[in-house]
Amino acid sequence: MFAVLALQGMVMAPVKAQGELALLESYIGDWRGDSALVGRDRNEPFRCRLGVAKGNLGRINYTGRCTLVNATLSISGTIAFNEQTRRYEAAMSSNAGYTGLAVGQKNGERISFDLREQQKDRAGSDVRIGARILLVGNSSITVDFEVEFNNSGEVLKASVPFSR
């Protein structure tokens, strides 16, 4: 009896992982989103494109570009389900110098990743940069961006809902 239960557990783990990979792959495609970058004295249009493609080793890769009035933000990264740790993991990097890793928190059909980092801006001042990626079902992606300038206390935010 114990051998049968152990064998069942071995069979179920890959099936579960295949289901997790299928969920991630359901996001493959081209996404667009419009929002605004909002701060103390700022409210600028913030338009984004996001491409999600099948990666290797059970990953999906994403690349995105958001445009502001005078700047462009580029992001790229991967999202995977790690079978050994039984959790979702995401990595992101940007042309703004941001690089982060996050463990996904799954709640029902929602998987969220909080990527946070402390950095220095061009003048050498401390800056906190964050991004939150929220995957819902297989039909919705939202990316929240936040930058806090520690010297001034100014916070810039944008929440971008994406659709296909």
N, C-alpha and C. Protein backbone atom coordinates (compact mmCIF):
# COMPACT_ATOMS: atom_id res chain seq x y z
N MET A 1 0.82 -1.19 0.00
CA MET A 1 0.00 0.00 0.00
C MET A 1 0.87 1.26 0.00
N PHE A 2 1.92 1.28 0.84
CA PHE A 2 2.81 2.44 0.90
C PHE A 2 3.48 2.69 -0.44
N ALA A 3 3.88 1.59 -1.12
CA ALA A 3 4.53 1.73 -2.43
C ALA A 3 3.58 2.35 -3.44
N VAL A 4 2.31 1.98 -3.38
CA VAL A 4 1.32 2.54 -4.31
C VAL A 4 1.14 4.04 -4.05
N LEU A 5 1.05 4.44 -2.77
CA LEU A 5 0.91 5.86 -2.43
C LEU A 5 2.14 6.64 -2.86
N ALA A 6 3.32 6.08 -2.64
CA ALA A 6 4.55 6.76 -3.05
C ALA A 6 4.60 6.93 -4.56
N LEU A 7 4.20 5.89 -5.29
CA LEU A 7 4.17 5.96 -6.74
C LEU A 7 3.16 7.00 -7.22
N GLN A 8 2.00 7.06 -6.57
CA GLN A 8 1.00 8.07 -6.92
C GLN A 8 1.57 9.47 -6.75
N GLY A 9 2.29 9.72 -5.67
CA GLY A 9 2.90 11.03 -5.42
C GLY A 9 3.90 11.39 -6.50
N MET A 10 4.67 10.40 -6.96
CA MET A 10 5.65 10.65 -8.01
C MET A 10 4.97 10.99 -9.32
N VAL A 11 3.84 10.36 -9.60
CA VAL A 11 3.12 10.63 -10.84
C VAL A 11 2.42 11.98 -10.77
N MET A 12 1.87 12.34 -9.63
CA MET A 12 1.11 13.59 -9.49
C MET A 12 1.99 14.83 -9.59
N ALA A 13 3.22 14.78 -9.11
CA ALA A 13 4.08 15.97 -9.12
C ALA A 13 4.31 16.49 -10.53
N PRO A 14 4.71 15.63 -11.52
CA PRO A 14 4.88 16.15 -12.87
C PRO A 14 3.58 16.65 -13.48
N VAL A 15 2.45 16.00 -13.18
CA VAL A 15 1.17 16.45 -13.70
C VAL A 15 0.87 17.84 -13.18
N LYS A 16 1.08 18.06 -11.89
CA LYS A 16 0.86 19.39 -11.29
C LYS A 16 1.76 20.42 -11.97
N ALA A 17 3.05 20.07 -12.15
CA ALA A 17 3.98 21.00 -12.79
C ALA A 17 3.57 21.29 -14.22
N GLN A 18 3.06 20.27 -14.94
CA GLN A 18 2.59 20.51 -16.30
C GLN A 18 1.41 21.46 -16.31
N GLY A 19 0.53 21.34 -15.31
CA GLY A 19 -0.59 22.26 -15.19
C GLY A 19 -0.13 23.68 -14.92
N GLU A 20 0.89 23.83 -14.08
CA GLU A 20 1.45 25.16 -13.78
C GLU A 20 2.08 25.75 -15.03
N LEU A 21 2.81 24.92 -15.79
CA LEU A 21 3.42 25.40 -17.03
C LEU A 21 2.35 25.78 -18.04
N ALA A 22 1.29 24.99 -18.13
CA ALA A 22 0.19 25.31 -19.05
C ALA A 22 -0.44 26.65 -18.68
N LEU A 23 -0.58 26.89 -17.39
CA LEU A 23 -1.13 28.18 -16.94
C LEU A 23 -0.22 29.32 -17.39
N LEU A 24 1.08 29.18 -17.18
CA LEU A 24 2.01 30.23 -17.61
C LEU A 24 1.95 30.42 -19.12
N GLU A 25 1.92 29.33 -19.87
CA GLU A 25 1.90 29.43 -21.33
C GLU A 25 0.61 30.05 -21.86
N SER A 26 -0.44 30.06 -21.05
CA SER A 26 -1.69 30.67 -21.51
C SER A 26 -1.55 32.19 -21.67
N TYR A 27 -0.48 32.76 -21.14
CA TYR A 27 -0.23 34.20 -21.26
C TYR A 27 0.56 34.55 -22.52
N ILE A 28 1.01 33.55 -23.28
CA ILE A 28 1.81 33.81 -24.47
C ILE A 28 0.99 34.65 -25.45
N GLY A 29 1.62 35.69 -25.96
CA GLY A 29 0.97 36.56 -26.93
C GLY A 29 1.41 38.00 -26.75
N ASP A 30 0.74 38.88 -27.46
CA ASP A 30 1.04 40.31 -27.42
C ASP A 30 -0.02 41.03 -26.61
N TRP A 31 0.43 41.89 -25.71
CA TRP A 31 -0.43 42.62 -24.78
C TRP A 31 -0.16 44.11 -24.91
N ARG A 32 -1.18 44.92 -24.67
CA ARG A 32 -1.04 46.39 -24.67
C ARG A 32 -1.75 46.96 -23.46
N GLY A 33 -1.22 48.08 -22.97
CA GLY A 33 -1.85 48.73 -21.83
C GLY A 33 -1.62 50.23 -21.83
N ASP A 34 -2.58 50.97 -21.32
CA ASP A 34 -2.49 52.42 -21.19
C ASP A 34 -2.76 52.80 -19.75
N SER A 35 -2.01 53.79 -19.28
CA SER A 35 -2.18 54.26 -17.91
C SER A 35 -1.62 55.67 -17.84
N ALA A 36 -1.27 56.08 -16.63
CA ALA A 36 -0.63 57.38 -16.41
C ALA A 36 0.44 57.21 -15.34
N LEU A 37 1.54 57.91 -15.52
CA LEU A 37 2.57 57.98 -14.49
C LEU A 37 2.21 59.17 -13.62
N VAL A 38 1.93 58.91 -12.35
CA VAL A 38 1.40 59.93 -11.46
C VAL A 38 2.40 60.18 -10.33
N GLY A 39 2.62 61.45 -10.03
CA GLY A 39 3.47 61.87 -8.93
C GLY A 39 2.97 63.18 -8.37
N ARG A 40 3.75 63.76 -7.50
CA ARG A 40 3.35 65.01 -6.85
C ARG A 40 2.97 66.08 -7.86
N ASP A 41 3.83 66.33 -8.84
CA ASP A 41 3.56 67.36 -9.85
C ASP A 41 3.54 66.75 -11.25
N ARG A 42 3.13 65.52 -11.35
CA ARG A 42 3.23 64.84 -12.64
C ARG A 42 2.01 63.96 -12.87
N ASN A 43 1.52 63.99 -14.10
CA ASN A 43 0.47 63.09 -14.55
C ASN A 43 0.65 62.96 -16.05
N GLU A 44 1.47 61.98 -16.46
CA GLU A 44 1.83 61.81 -17.86
C GLU A 44 1.25 60.51 -18.41
N PRO A 45 0.85 60.52 -19.69
CA PRO A 45 0.41 59.28 -20.31
C PRO A 45 1.53 58.24 -20.26
N PHE A 46 1.16 57.00 -20.02
CA PHE A 46 2.12 55.90 -19.88
C PHE A 46 1.55 54.74 -20.68
N ARG A 47 2.09 54.52 -21.88
CA ARG A 47 1.60 53.48 -22.79
C ARG A 47 2.63 52.36 -22.88
N CYS A 48 2.13 51.12 -22.83
CA CYS A 48 3.03 49.98 -22.78
C CYS A 48 2.62 48.88 -23.75
N ARG A 49 3.64 48.15 -24.20
CA ARG A 49 3.46 46.91 -24.96
C ARG A 49 4.20 45.82 -24.20
N LEU A 50 3.66 44.62 -24.22
CA LEU A 50 4.29 43.50 -23.53
C LEU A 50 4.14 42.27 -24.41
N GLY A 51 5.26 41.63 -24.71
CA GLY A 51 5.24 40.39 -25.48
C GLY A 51 5.64 39.25 -24.57
N VAL A 52 4.86 38.18 -24.58
CA VAL A 52 5.15 37.00 -23.78
C VAL A 52 5.36 35.84 -24.75
N ALA A 53 6.50 35.14 -24.60
CA ALA A 53 6.84 34.04 -25.51
C ALA A 53 7.28 32.82 -24.71
N LYS A 54 7.15 31.67 -25.34
CA LYS A 54 7.59 30.43 -24.70
C LYS A 54 9.11 30.45 -24.62
N GLY A 55 9.63 30.18 -23.44
CA GLY A 55 11.07 30.09 -23.26
C GLY A 55 11.48 28.63 -23.22
N ASN A 56 12.72 28.40 -22.81
CA ASN A 56 13.16 27.01 -22.67
C ASN A 56 13.13 26.62 -21.19
N LEU A 57 13.23 25.34 -20.94
CA LEU A 57 13.26 24.80 -19.58
C LEU A 57 12.03 25.18 -18.76
N GLY A 58 10.85 25.18 -19.39
CA GLY A 58 9.61 25.44 -18.65
C GLY A 58 9.41 26.88 -18.24
N ARG A 59 9.96 27.81 -18.99
CA ARG A 59 9.82 29.22 -18.66
C ARG A 59 9.01 29.93 -19.73
N ILE A 60 8.46 31.08 -19.35
CA ILE A 60 7.97 32.03 -20.35
C ILE A 60 8.85 33.26 -20.23
N ASN A 61 9.11 33.88 -21.35
CA ASN A 61 9.92 35.10 -21.40
C ASN A 61 9.02 36.27 -21.73
N TYR A 62 9.32 37.42 -21.15
CA TYR A 62 8.55 38.61 -21.49
C TYR A 62 9.48 39.77 -21.77
N THR A 63 9.05 40.62 -22.69
CA THR A 63 9.76 41.85 -23.00
C THR A 63 8.70 42.94 -23.13
N GLY A 64 9.01 44.10 -22.61
CA GLY A 64 8.04 45.18 -22.66
C GLY A 64 8.71 46.52 -22.86
N ARG A 65 7.89 47.45 -23.32
CA ARG A 65 8.38 48.81 -23.56
C ARG A 65 7.25 49.76 -23.20
N CYS A 66 7.56 50.71 -22.34
CA CYS A 66 6.58 51.73 -21.96
C CYS A 66 7.13 53.08 -22.37
N THR A 67 6.26 53.93 -22.91
CA THR A 67 6.70 55.25 -23.35
C THR A 67 6.04 56.33 -22.52
N LEU A 68 6.84 57.31 -22.19
CA LEU A 68 6.40 58.53 -21.51
C LEU A 68 6.60 59.67 -22.48
N VAL A 69 6.31 60.89 -22.04
CA VAL A 69 6.49 62.06 -22.88
C VAL A 69 7.93 62.17 -23.35
N ASN A 70 8.90 62.04 -22.44
CA ASN A 70 10.31 62.23 -22.79
C ASN A 70 11.21 61.03 -22.51
N ALA A 71 10.64 59.85 -22.31
CA ALA A 71 11.47 58.71 -21.95
C ALA A 71 10.81 57.40 -22.36
N THR A 72 11.61 56.36 -22.40
CA THR A 72 11.13 55.01 -22.68
C THR A 72 11.68 54.08 -21.62
N LEU A 73 10.84 53.23 -21.08
CA LEU A 73 11.24 52.22 -20.11
C LEU A 73 11.13 50.87 -20.79
N SER A 74 12.21 50.10 -20.77
CA SER A 74 12.21 48.75 -21.32
C SER A 74 12.40 47.76 -20.19
N ILE A 75 11.62 46.67 -20.23
CA ILE A 75 11.77 45.62 -19.23
C ILE A 75 11.85 44.28 -19.95
N SER A 76 12.49 43.33 -19.31
CA SER A 76 12.50 41.96 -19.82
C SER A 76 12.70 41.02 -18.65
N GLY A 77 12.31 39.77 -18.85
CA GLY A 77 12.50 38.81 -17.78
C GLY A 77 11.90 37.46 -18.11
N THR A 78 11.86 36.62 -17.09
CA THR A 78 11.32 35.27 -17.22
C THR A 78 10.41 34.97 -16.04
N ILE A 79 9.47 34.08 -16.26
CA ILE A 79 8.62 33.56 -15.20
C ILE A 79 8.60 32.04 -15.36
N ALA A 80 8.74 31.32 -14.26
CA ALA A 80 8.77 29.86 -14.31
C ALA A 80 8.13 29.28 -13.06
N PHE A 81 7.77 28.00 -13.16
CA PHE A 81 7.35 27.24 -11.99
C PHE A 81 8.51 26.31 -11.65
N ASN A 82 9.09 26.48 -10.47
CA ASN A 82 10.22 25.68 -10.03
C ASN A 82 9.69 24.42 -9.35
N GLU A 83 9.89 23.27 -10.00
CA GLU A 83 9.36 22.01 -9.46
C GLU A 83 10.01 21.63 -8.13
N GLN A 84 11.30 21.92 -7.96
CA GLN A 84 11.98 21.54 -6.72
C GLN A 84 11.42 22.29 -5.51
N THR A 85 11.18 23.57 -5.67
CA THR A 85 10.69 24.38 -4.55
C THR A 85 9.17 24.50 -4.53
N ARG A 86 8.50 24.02 -5.63
CA ARG A 86 7.05 24.05 -5.76
C ARG A 86 6.51 25.49 -5.70
N ARG A 87 7.19 26.40 -6.39
CA ARG A 87 6.73 27.78 -6.38
C ARG A 87 7.03 28.45 -7.72
N TYR A 88 6.32 29.55 -7.96
CA TYR A 88 6.56 30.38 -9.14
C TYR A 88 7.69 31.34 -8.83
N GLU A 89 8.51 31.64 -9.85
CA GLU A 89 9.62 32.57 -9.68
C GLU A 89 9.69 33.48 -10.90
N ALA A 90 10.01 34.74 -10.66
CA ALA A 90 10.12 35.71 -11.75
C ALA A 90 11.42 36.49 -11.61
N ALA A 91 11.96 36.88 -12.74
CA ALA A 91 13.13 37.75 -12.79
C ALA A 91 12.80 38.89 -13.75
N MET A 92 13.30 40.09 -13.44
CA MET A 92 13.06 41.25 -14.29
C MET A 92 14.31 42.12 -14.33
N SER A 93 14.55 42.72 -15.47
CA SER A 93 15.59 43.75 -15.58
C SER A 93 15.04 44.86 -16.47
N SER A 94 15.63 46.05 -16.33
CA SER A 94 15.14 47.19 -17.11
C SER A 94 16.30 48.05 -17.57
N ASN A 95 15.99 48.93 -18.53
CA ASN A 95 17.01 49.87 -18.99
C ASN A 95 17.27 50.97 -17.97
N ALA A 96 16.48 51.02 -16.91
CA ALA A 96 16.69 51.99 -15.84
C ALA A 96 17.68 51.46 -14.79
N GLY A 97 18.27 50.29 -15.08
CA GLY A 97 19.25 49.73 -14.16
C GLY A 97 18.66 48.81 -13.12
N TYR A 98 17.37 48.57 -13.18
CA TYR A 98 16.70 47.72 -12.20
C TYR A 98 16.88 46.25 -12.57
N THR A 99 17.22 45.43 -11.58
CA THR A 99 17.26 43.99 -11.72
C THR A 99 16.66 43.39 -10.46
N GLY A 100 15.69 42.51 -10.59
CA GLY A 100 15.06 41.95 -9.40
C GLY A 100 14.59 40.53 -9.60
N LEU A 101 14.44 39.83 -8.48
CA LEU A 101 13.91 38.47 -8.45
C LEU A 101 12.76 38.43 -7.46
N ALA A 102 11.76 37.59 -7.73
CA ALA A 102 10.63 37.50 -6.81
C ALA A 102 10.02 36.10 -6.85
N VAL A 103 9.49 35.70 -5.72
CA VAL A 103 8.73 34.46 -5.62
C VAL A 103 7.26 34.83 -5.80
N GLY A 104 6.57 34.07 -6.63
CA GLY A 104 5.16 34.34 -6.88
C GLY A 104 4.28 33.84 -5.75
N GLN A 105 3.31 34.63 -5.41
CA GLN A 105 2.32 34.27 -4.39
C GLN A 105 1.03 33.91 -5.12
N LYS A 106 0.60 32.65 -5.01
CA LYS A 106 -0.60 32.21 -5.70
C LYS A 106 -1.77 32.23 -4.74
N ASN A 107 -2.86 32.84 -5.21
CA ASN A 107 -4.09 32.91 -4.42
C ASN A 107 -5.25 32.68 -5.40
N GLY A 108 -5.78 31.46 -5.42
CA GLY A 108 -6.82 31.13 -6.39
C GLY A 108 -6.25 31.17 -7.79
N GLU A 109 -6.85 31.97 -8.66
CA GLU A 109 -6.37 32.12 -10.04
C GLU A 109 -5.41 33.29 -10.20
N ARG A 110 -4.98 33.88 -9.11
CA ARG A 110 -4.08 35.03 -9.15
C ARG A 110 -2.67 34.63 -8.72
N ILE A 111 -1.68 35.08 -9.49
CA ILE A 111 -0.28 34.91 -9.11
C ILE A 111 0.34 36.31 -9.13
N SER A 112 0.90 36.73 -8.01
CA SER A 112 1.52 38.06 -7.97
C SER A 112 3.00 37.94 -7.61
N PHE A 113 3.78 38.81 -8.21
CA PHE A 113 5.23 38.88 -8.00
C PHE A 113 5.56 40.31 -7.59
N ASP A 114 6.22 40.48 -6.46
CA ASP A 114 6.66 41.80 -6.01
C ASP A 114 8.17 41.88 -6.13
N LEU A 115 8.62 42.75 -7.04
CA LEU A 115 10.04 42.94 -7.28
C LEU A 115 10.42 44.30 -6.71
N ARG A 116 11.35 44.33 -5.78
CA ARG A 116 11.76 45.57 -5.11
C ARG A 116 13.28 45.67 -5.05
N GLU A 117 13.79 46.89 -5.17
CA GLU A 117 15.23 47.09 -5.10
C GLU A 117 15.56 48.50 -4.66
N GLN A 118 16.62 48.66 -3.91
CA GLN A 118 17.18 49.97 -3.56
C GLN A 118 18.33 50.23 -4.53
N GLN A 119 18.41 51.45 -5.04
CA GLN A 119 19.46 51.82 -5.98
C GLN A 119 19.89 53.25 -5.73
N LYS A 120 20.88 53.67 -6.50
CA LYS A 120 21.31 55.06 -6.54
C LYS A 120 20.87 55.65 -7.87
N ASP A 121 20.40 56.91 -7.85
CA ASP A 121 20.08 57.56 -9.12
C ASP A 121 21.36 58.15 -9.70
N ARG A 122 21.25 58.86 -10.81
CA ARG A 122 22.44 59.41 -11.49
C ARG A 122 23.22 60.38 -10.62
N ALA A 123 22.53 61.03 -9.68
CA ALA A 123 23.19 61.99 -8.80
C ALA A 123 23.76 61.31 -7.54
N GLY A 124 23.55 59.99 -7.42
CA GLY A 124 24.06 59.28 -6.25
C GLY A 124 23.09 59.20 -5.09
N SER A 125 21.87 59.68 -5.26
CA SER A 125 20.87 59.63 -4.20
C SER A 125 20.16 58.28 -4.19
N ASP A 126 19.70 57.87 -3.01
CA ASP A 126 18.99 56.60 -2.88
C ASP A 126 17.62 56.66 -3.54
N VAL A 127 17.28 55.58 -4.24
CA VAL A 127 16.00 55.45 -4.91
C VAL A 127 15.48 54.04 -4.67
N ARG A 128 14.20 53.93 -4.33
CA ARG A 128 13.57 52.61 -4.21
C ARG A 128 12.74 52.38 -5.46
N ILE A 129 12.99 51.26 -6.14
CA ILE A 129 12.29 50.94 -7.37
C ILE A 129 11.54 49.64 -7.15
N GLY A 130 10.31 49.59 -7.62
CA GLY A 130 9.54 48.37 -7.48
C GLY A 130 8.62 48.14 -8.65
N ALA A 131 8.32 46.88 -8.86
CA ALA A 131 7.34 46.49 -9.86
C ALA A 131 6.57 45.30 -9.31
N ARG A 132 5.30 45.29 -9.54
CA ARG A 132 4.45 44.18 -9.14
C ARG A 132 3.79 43.66 -10.40
N ILE A 133 3.95 42.38 -10.67
CA ILE A 133 3.32 41.74 -11.81
C ILE A 133 2.18 40.89 -11.27
N LEU A 134 1.00 41.08 -11.80
CA LEU A 134 -0.17 40.32 -11.37
C LEU A 134 -0.77 39.59 -12.57
N LEU A 135 -0.78 38.26 -12.49
CA LEU A 135 -1.38 37.42 -13.52
C LEU A 135 -2.71 36.91 -12.95
N VAL A 136 -3.80 37.07 -13.70
CA VAL A 136 -5.11 36.62 -13.21
C VAL A 136 -5.72 35.71 -14.26
N GLY A 137 -6.07 34.47 -13.82
CA GLY A 137 -6.62 33.50 -14.76
C GLY A 137 -5.65 33.35 -15.91
N ASN A 138 -6.13 33.37 -17.10
CA ASN A 138 -5.23 33.44 -18.25
C ASN A 138 -5.63 34.60 -19.14
N SER A 139 -6.33 35.57 -18.52
CA SER A 139 -6.90 36.64 -19.35
C SER A 139 -6.47 38.04 -18.95
N SER A 140 -5.66 38.18 -17.91
CA SER A 140 -5.35 39.52 -17.44
C SER A 140 -3.93 39.61 -16.88
N ILE A 141 -3.26 40.67 -17.25
CA ILE A 141 -1.95 41.01 -16.70
C ILE A 141 -2.00 42.46 -16.26
N THR A 142 -1.54 42.74 -15.06
CA THR A 142 -1.39 44.12 -14.60
C THR A 142 0.02 44.27 -14.06
N VAL A 143 0.67 45.37 -14.44
CA VAL A 143 2.00 45.67 -13.91
C VAL A 143 1.93 47.02 -13.22
N ASP A 144 2.31 47.04 -11.95
CA ASP A 144 2.37 48.27 -11.16
C ASP A 144 3.83 48.67 -11.01
N PHE A 145 4.14 49.91 -11.37
CA PHE A 145 5.49 50.44 -11.22
C PHE A 145 5.48 51.48 -10.11
N GLU A 146 6.59 51.57 -9.37
CA GLU A 146 6.71 52.59 -8.33
C GLU A 146 8.18 52.96 -8.16
N VAL A 147 8.44 54.26 -8.12
CA VAL A 147 9.78 54.77 -7.87
C VAL A 147 9.67 55.80 -6.75
N GLU A 148 10.47 55.63 -5.71
CA GLU A 148 10.49 56.59 -4.60
C GLU A 148 11.89 57.18 -4.49
N PHE A 149 11.97 58.51 -4.58
CA PHE A 149 13.23 59.22 -4.43
C PHE A 149 13.38 59.56 -2.95
N ASN A 150 14.31 58.90 -2.28
CA ASN A 150 14.43 59.03 -0.83
C ASN A 150 14.79 60.44 -0.37
N ASN A 151 15.59 61.16 -1.14
CA ASN A 151 15.97 62.53 -0.73
C ASN A 151 14.78 63.48 -0.69
N SER A 152 13.93 63.40 -1.71
CA SER A 152 12.80 64.33 -1.80
C SER A 152 11.51 63.72 -1.25
N GLY A 153 11.45 62.40 -1.17
CA GLY A 153 10.22 61.74 -0.76
C GLY A 153 9.21 61.60 -1.88
N GLU A 154 9.53 62.11 -3.07
CA GLU A 154 8.60 62.01 -4.19
C GLU A 154 8.42 60.56 -4.61
N VAL A 155 7.19 60.19 -4.90
CA VAL A 155 6.86 58.84 -5.36
C VAL A 155 6.15 58.96 -6.70
N LEU A 156 6.64 58.22 -7.69
CA LEU A 156 6.00 58.13 -8.99
C LEU A 156 5.39 56.74 -9.12
N LYS A 157 4.13 56.67 -9.59
CA LYS A 157 3.44 55.39 -9.69
C LYS A 157 2.71 55.29 -11.02
N ALA A 158 2.61 54.05 -11.48
CA ALA A 158 1.77 53.74 -12.65
C ALA A 158 1.26 52.33 -12.48
N SER A 159 -0.02 52.13 -12.72
CA SER A 159 -0.63 50.81 -12.72
C SER A 159 -1.16 50.57 -14.12
N VAL A 160 -0.60 49.57 -14.81
CA VAL A 160 -0.93 49.36 -16.21
C VAL A 160 -1.69 48.04 -16.37
N PRO A 161 -3.00 48.12 -16.69
CA PRO A 161 -3.75 46.91 -17.01
C PRO A 161 -3.53 46.57 -18.49
N PHE A 162 -3.14 45.34 -18.77
CA PHE A 162 -2.87 44.92 -20.14
C PHE A 162 -4.01 44.07 -20.68
N SER A 163 -4.23 44.17 -21.97
CA SER A 163 -5.18 43.29 -22.66
C SER A 163 -4.57 42.86 -23.98
N ARG A 164 -5.11 41.79 -24.53
CA ARG A 164 -4.57 41.28 -25.81
C ARG A 164 -5.12 42.05 -26.96
